[in-house]
Protein backbone atom coordinates (compact mmCIF):
# COMPACT_ATOMS: atom_id res chain seq x y z
CA MET A 1 2.20 19.17 9.90
CA ILE A 2 3.59 16.17 7.99
CA GLN A 3 1.80 15.40 4.75
CA THR A 4 1.05 11.72 4.28
CA THR A 5 1.84 10.54 0.80
CA TRP A 6 1.50 6.78 1.41
CA ALA A 7 -0.84 4.51 3.35
CA VAL A 8 -0.86 0.84 4.32
CA GLN A 9 -3.82 -1.44 4.88
CA PRO A 10 -4.59 -5.16 4.51
CA ALA A 11 -4.66 -6.18 0.85
CA ASN A 12 -7.90 -8.12 1.25
CA TRP A 13 -9.91 -4.95 1.98
CA ALA A 14 -12.00 -4.27 -1.12
CA LYS A 15 -11.59 -0.47 -1.06
CA PHE A 16 -9.29 2.10 0.47
CA ASP A 17 -10.38 3.00 4.02
CA PRO A 18 -8.94 6.37 5.11
CA TYR A 19 -9.87 5.65 8.74
CA GLY A 20 -8.45 2.13 8.87
CA ALA A 21 -5.27 2.67 6.86
CA ILE A 22 -1.97 3.56 8.50
CA GLN A 23 -0.79 6.87 7.04
CA CYS A 24 2.93 7.27 6.23
CA ALA A 25 5.11 10.23 5.29
CA ASP A 26 7.35 8.16 3.00
CA ILE A 27 7.42 4.79 1.28
CA GLN A 28 10.27 3.50 3.46
CA THR A 29 8.01 3.84 6.50
CA ALA A 30 5.21 2.09 4.60
CA TYR A 31 7.52 -0.89 3.92
CA LYS A 32 8.55 -0.97 7.60
CA ILE A 33 4.89 -1.06 8.60
CA CYS A 34 4.33 -4.02 6.26
CA GLN A 35 7.29 -5.84 7.81
CA SER A 36 5.97 -5.18 11.31
CA VAL A 37 2.62 -6.88 10.66
CA ILE A 38 4.00 -10.23 9.49
CA GLY A 39 1.37 -12.86 10.20
CA GLU A 40 -1.47 -10.43 9.48
CA GLY A 41 -1.69 -11.34 5.77
CA ASP A 42 -0.71 -9.45 2.63
CA GLN A 43 -0.60 -5.66 2.82
CA MET A 44 -1.28 -3.00 0.19
CA ILE A 45 0.69 0.24 -0.02
CA TRP A 46 -1.40 3.05 -1.45
CA LYS A 47 -0.07 6.24 -3.07
CA MET A 48 -2.05 9.19 -1.75
CA THR A 49 -3.04 11.75 -4.39
CA SER A 50 -5.12 14.91 -4.48
CA GLY A 51 -7.92 12.66 -5.76
CA GLU A 52 -8.50 8.97 -5.19
CA PRO A 53 -5.63 6.93 -3.64
CA ILE A 54 -3.85 4.55 -6.04
CA LYS A 55 -2.94 0.93 -5.27
CA TRP A 56 0.84 1.02 -5.58
CA VAL A 57 2.56 -2.09 -4.22
CA ARG A 58 1.27 -5.33 -2.73
CA VAL A 59 3.58 -6.69 -0.03
CA TYR A 60 3.02 -10.40 0.45
CA GLU A 61 3.26 -12.04 3.84
CA ASP A 62 6.60 -13.58 2.82
CA GLU A 63 7.80 -9.96 2.20
CA SER A 64 7.95 -10.30 -1.60
CA ILE A 65 6.44 -7.39 -3.49
CA ASP A 66 4.41 -6.87 -6.64
CA ALA A 67 3.77 -3.48 -8.27
CA VAL A 68 0.14 -2.95 -9.17
CA THR A 69 0.27 0.32 -11.06
CA ASP A 70 -1.67 0.73 -14.32
CA GLN A 71 1.63 0.84 -16.21
CA HIS A 72 2.62 -2.54 -14.73
CA LEU A 73 -0.79 -4.08 -15.47
CA ALA A 74 -0.76 -2.81 -19.09
CA HIS A 75 2.05 -5.25 -19.88
CA LEU A 76 -0.23 -8.17 -18.94
CA VAL A 77 -2.86 -7.38 -21.58
């Protein structure tokens, strides 16, 4: 059994949806999924944990990315 450590879903979903997200074994696959849904809006890559999933990277429709980790956001305060 392959453990999923990443998941992709539309960025405009308010919360993580384990049934609607596409589960991925690695982050490279997650990026490929984001590229394959061009025209479907921005996508969010989530890091799966033993607890709550963490928003990791937002992939914009133009394929640019923006890290959304707490460490990244701390620099904006």
